N, C-alpha and C. Protein backbone atom coordinates (compact mmCIF):
# COMPACT_ATOMS: atom_id res chain seq x y z
N MET A 1 129.07 72.98 104.07
CA MET A 1 130.20 71.90 103.69
C MET A 1 129.60 71.07 102.70
N PRO A 2 130.52 70.61 101.92
CA PRO A 2 129.88 69.22 101.11
C PRO A 2 129.83 68.04 101.67
N LYS A 3 128.73 67.09 101.19
CA LYS A 3 128.82 65.85 101.94
C LYS A 3 129.69 64.94 101.50
N GLU A 4 130.15 64.99 100.39
CA GLU A 4 130.90 64.03 99.58
C GLU A 4 132.45 64.12 99.95
N ASN A 5 133.14 63.05 99.87
CA ASN A 5 134.35 63.19 100.29
C ASN A 5 135.53 63.94 99.21
N LEU A 6 136.05 64.76 99.83
CA LEU A 6 136.74 65.97 98.88
C LEU A 6 138.24 65.40 98.84
N LEU A 7 138.80 64.58 99.94
CA LEU A 7 139.87 64.30 99.95
C LEU A 7 140.07 62.67 99.49
N THR A 8 140.11 62.48 98.27
CA THR A 8 140.34 61.03 97.80
C THR A 8 141.34 60.56 98.07
N ARG A 9 141.68 59.31 97.54
CA ARG A 9 143.11 58.62 97.94
C ARG A 9 144.23 59.29 96.90
N ASP A 10 143.73 59.51 95.85
CA ASP A 10 144.74 60.03 94.91
C ASP A 10 145.09 61.38 95.32
N LEU A 11 144.33 62.37 95.87
CA LEU A 11 144.58 63.63 96.24
C LEU A 11 145.23 63.42 97.19
N TYR A 12 145.14 62.67 98.29
CA TYR A 12 145.92 62.52 99.36
C TYR A 12 147.40 62.04 99.16
N ARG A 13 147.59 61.32 98.21
CA ARG A 13 148.95 61.11 97.78
C ARG A 13 149.60 62.09 97.08
N GLN A 14 148.81 62.84 96.36
CA GLN A 14 149.11 64.13 95.62
C GLN A 14 149.99 65.09 96.58
N ILE A 15 149.14 65.56 97.94
CA ILE A 15 149.40 66.22 98.82
C ILE A 15 150.50 65.87 99.65
N LYS A 16 150.80 64.76 100.01
CA LYS A 16 151.74 63.96 100.53
C LYS A 16 153.22 64.01 99.88
N SER A 17 152.90 64.15 98.65
CA SER A 17 154.54 64.33 97.85
C SER A 17 154.56 65.73 97.33
N MET A 18 153.76 66.81 97.73
CA MET A 18 153.90 68.25 97.49
C MET A 18 155.25 68.66 98.48
N ASP A 19 155.82 69.71 97.37
CA ASP A 19 156.96 70.45 97.93
C ASP A 19 156.11 71.50 98.70
N ARG A 20 156.98 72.69 99.28
CA ARG A 20 156.32 73.71 99.97
C ARG A 20 155.67 74.53 99.00
N SER A 21 156.11 74.67 98.16
CA SER A 21 155.62 75.83 96.92
C SER A 21 154.23 75.30 96.25
N ALA A 22 154.33 74.06 96.24
CA ALA A 22 153.04 73.34 95.72
C ALA A 22 151.81 73.39 96.69
N MET A 23 152.33 73.15 97.84
CA MET A 23 151.32 73.02 99.12
C MET A 23 150.78 74.31 99.47
N GLU A 24 151.61 75.51 99.31
CA GLU A 24 151.19 76.70 99.39
C GLU A 24 150.30 77.26 98.49
N LYS A 25 150.54 76.91 97.10
CA LYS A 25 149.43 77.27 96.20
C LYS A 25 148.15 76.41 96.38
N THR A 26 148.25 75.43 96.74
CA THR A 26 147.14 74.46 96.77
C THR A 26 146.38 75.19 97.78
N LEU A 27 146.99 75.31 99.25
CA LEU A 27 146.33 76.15 100.35
C LEU A 27 145.69 77.19 99.90
N ASN A 28 146.11 78.01 99.34
CA ASN A 28 145.70 79.43 98.98
C ASN A 28 144.72 79.47 98.04
N ASN A 29 144.88 78.35 97.28
CA ASN A 29 143.57 78.09 96.33
C ASN A 29 142.38 77.68 96.97
N ILE A 30 142.61 76.77 98.03
CA ILE A 30 141.54 76.20 98.96
C ILE A 30 140.90 77.45 99.77
N TYR A 31 141.88 78.47 100.27
CA TYR A 31 141.54 79.31 101.33
C TYR A 31 140.38 80.33 100.30
N GLU A 32 141.00 80.59 99.16
CA GLU A 32 140.07 81.47 98.16
C GLU A 32 138.83 81.07 97.73
N MET A 33 138.75 79.42 97.73
CA MET A 33 137.46 79.21 97.15
C MET A 33 136.71 79.15 98.42
N GLY A 34 136.91 79.08 99.66
CA GLY A 34 136.17 79.13 100.85
C GLY A 34 135.92 80.64 101.00
N ALA A 35 136.58 81.45 100.96
CA ALA A 35 136.29 83.01 101.08
C ALA A 35 135.46 83.25 99.83
N LYS A 36 135.49 82.78 98.71
CA LYS A 36 134.25 83.43 97.43
C LYS A 36 133.02 82.74 97.97
N ASP A 37 133.27 81.48 98.39
CA ASP A 37 131.98 80.99 98.82
C ASP A 37 131.23 81.37 99.98
N ALA A 38 131.89 81.95 101.04
CA ALA A 38 131.51 82.70 102.49
C ALA A 38 130.86 83.87 101.73
N LEU A 39 131.36 84.51 100.84
CA LEU A 39 130.87 85.93 99.94
C LEU A 39 129.53 85.52 99.30
N ASP A 40 129.50 84.64 98.77
CA ASP A 40 128.62 84.39 97.93
C ASP A 40 127.21 83.84 98.58
N ASN A 41 127.43 83.26 99.86
CA ASN A 41 126.35 82.89 100.89
C ASN A 41 126.21 83.68 102.02
N ALA A 42 126.96 84.84 102.14
CA ALA A 42 126.68 85.87 103.15
C ALA A 42 125.64 86.43 103.16
N VAL A 43 124.58 86.57 104.19
CA VAL A 43 123.55 86.96 104.50
C VAL A 43 123.22 87.90 105.53
N ILE A 44 123.01 89.40 105.34
CA ILE A 44 122.80 89.91 106.51
C ILE A 44 121.53 90.42 106.49
N ASP A 45 120.70 90.18 107.65
CA ASP A 45 119.46 90.26 108.06
C ASP A 45 119.15 91.73 108.64
N LEU A 46 118.78 92.63 108.09
CA LEU A 46 118.34 94.11 108.72
C LEU A 46 116.94 94.19 108.86
N ASP A 47 116.49 94.64 109.82
CA ASP A 47 115.00 95.14 109.82
C ASP A 47 115.03 96.48 109.57
N ILE A 48 114.70 97.11 108.56
CA ILE A 48 114.66 98.74 108.22
C ILE A 48 113.66 99.35 109.17
N GLY A 49 112.34 98.36 109.33
CA GLY A 49 111.29 99.24 110.11
C GLY A 49 111.92 99.48 111.84
N LYS A 50 112.84 98.37 112.06
CA LYS A 50 112.99 98.61 113.53
C LYS A 50 114.27 99.45 113.47
N ILE A 51 115.19 99.71 112.49
CA ILE A 51 116.23 100.83 112.42
C ILE A 51 115.42 102.17 112.55
N ARG A 52 114.41 102.11 111.48
CA ARG A 52 113.64 103.34 111.37
C ARG A 52 113.24 104.04 112.78
N SER A 53 112.53 103.07 113.68
CA SER A 53 111.74 103.32 114.71
C SER A 53 112.91 103.47 115.96
N GLU A 54 114.14 103.01 115.91
CA GLU A 54 115.22 103.39 116.78
C GLU A 54 115.85 104.68 116.27
N ILE A 55 116.05 104.93 115.17
CA ILE A 55 116.68 106.34 115.17
C ILE A 55 115.32 107.50 115.26
N GLY A 56 114.06 107.26 114.94
CA GLY A 56 113.24 108.18 115.20
C GLY A 56 113.01 108.53 116.65
N ALA A 57 113.28 107.43 117.46
CA ALA A 57 113.31 107.65 118.87
C ALA A 57 114.44 108.80 119.46
N VAL A 58 115.35 108.92 118.90
CA VAL A 58 116.46 109.79 119.10
C VAL A 58 116.02 111.12 119.28
N SER A 59 116.30 111.89 120.31
CA SER A 59 115.77 113.24 120.54
C SER A 59 116.35 114.17 119.47
N GLY A 60 115.44 114.96 118.91
CA GLY A 60 115.94 115.87 117.87
C GLY A 60 115.75 115.44 116.48
N ILE A 61 115.37 114.24 116.21
CA ILE A 61 115.26 113.71 114.91
C ILE A 61 114.00 113.80 114.54
N GLY A 62 113.30 114.62 113.56
CA GLY A 62 112.20 114.73 113.10
C GLY A 62 111.93 113.82 111.96
N GLU A 63 110.58 113.91 111.45
CA GLU A 63 110.28 113.08 110.19
C GLU A 63 111.16 113.33 109.01
N LYS A 64 111.17 114.59 108.71
CA LYS A 64 112.14 115.05 107.62
C LYS A 64 113.49 114.56 107.78
N ARG A 65 114.20 114.53 108.67
CA ARG A 65 115.55 114.16 109.00
C ARG A 65 115.41 112.82 109.19
N LEU A 66 114.55 111.99 109.50
CA LEU A 66 114.51 110.64 109.53
C LEU A 66 114.51 110.08 108.11
N GLU A 67 113.53 110.71 107.20
CA GLU A 67 113.56 110.11 105.85
C GLU A 67 114.76 110.15 105.32
N GLN A 68 115.63 111.51 105.57
CA GLN A 68 116.79 111.70 104.86
C GLN A 68 117.82 110.85 105.20
N ILE A 69 117.88 110.07 106.71
CA ILE A 69 118.58 109.19 107.01
C ILE A 69 118.51 107.66 106.27
N MET A 70 117.06 107.57 106.26
CA MET A 70 116.60 106.42 105.89
C MET A 70 116.98 106.21 104.40
N GLU A 71 116.80 107.26 103.43
CA GLU A 71 117.26 107.31 102.32
C GLU A 71 118.65 107.09 102.00
N ILE A 72 119.76 107.36 102.93
CA ILE A 72 120.93 107.30 102.89
C ILE A 72 121.39 105.63 103.22
N ILE A 73 120.65 105.41 104.21
CA ILE A 73 120.72 103.73 104.66
C ILE A 73 120.50 103.11 103.27
N GLN A 74 119.22 103.28 102.89
CA GLN A 74 118.51 102.22 101.92
C GLN A 74 119.65 102.35 100.75
N ARG A 75 120.09 103.58 100.43
CA ARG A 75 121.05 103.53 99.00
C ARG A 75 122.10 102.94 99.36
N ASN A 76 122.79 103.03 100.52
CA ASN A 76 123.99 102.31 101.05
C ASN A 76 123.93 100.87 100.87
N ILE A 77 122.90 100.48 101.32
CA ILE A 77 122.35 98.95 101.21
C ILE A 77 122.51 98.57 99.57
N ALA A 78 121.72 99.27 99.12
CA ALA A 78 121.34 99.00 97.66
C ALA A 78 123.09 98.98 96.83
N GLU A 79 123.74 99.74 96.94
CA GLU A 79 125.17 99.74 96.76
C GLU A 79 125.83 98.82 96.96
N ALA A 80 125.94 98.27 98.21
CA ALA A 80 126.70 97.16 98.79
C ALA A 80 126.14 95.75 98.18
N ASP A 81 124.77 95.81 97.90
CA ASP A 81 124.13 94.59 97.23
C ASP A 81 124.79 94.59 95.89
N SER A 82 124.84 95.90 94.91
CA SER A 82 125.34 95.93 93.73
C SER A 82 126.70 95.39 93.50
N LYS A 83 127.65 95.89 94.83
CA LYS A 83 128.98 95.62 94.70
C LYS A 83 128.97 93.83 94.75
N ASP A 84 128.33 93.29 95.54
CA ASP A 84 128.05 91.86 96.12
C ASP A 84 127.73 91.07 94.70
N ALA A 85 126.96 91.57 93.91
CA ALA A 85 126.65 90.97 92.59
C ALA A 85 127.75 91.00 91.67
N ASP A 86 128.55 92.20 91.51
CA ASP A 86 129.46 92.56 90.87
C ASP A 86 130.57 91.40 91.05
N ALA A 87 130.79 91.26 92.26
CA ALA A 87 131.80 90.30 92.62
C ALA A 87 131.65 88.99 92.24
N GLY A 88 130.36 88.68 92.32
CA GLY A 88 130.03 87.38 92.19
C GLY A 88 130.11 86.84 90.62
N SER A 89 130.22 87.98 89.52
CA SER A 89 130.10 87.79 88.30
C SER A 89 131.61 87.37 87.93
N VAL A 90 131.66 86.79 86.64
CA VAL A 90 132.55 86.08 85.95
C VAL A 90 133.38 87.28 85.49
N LYS A 91 134.72 87.51 85.49
CA LYS A 91 135.48 88.59 84.98
C LYS A 91 136.34 87.86 83.79
């Protein structure tokens, strides 16, 4: 959250004088800015080594099958990262 005051006296007066439609647009814009900021700053911390060891501990999962599973997981993580990068670009 920014440290500076975002609600200046002038903005407060503008908000007080808004009709319902203008207030809905303003609140929608604020929500979308917050959602975009949350997506831009979202961090998922995965420990691939831990995932690998836990999947490897499952009975019936051999080294070859484990490699296939790990490739699928890593590919999906890479795809998600590229989608996040695309979503952050200006369109």
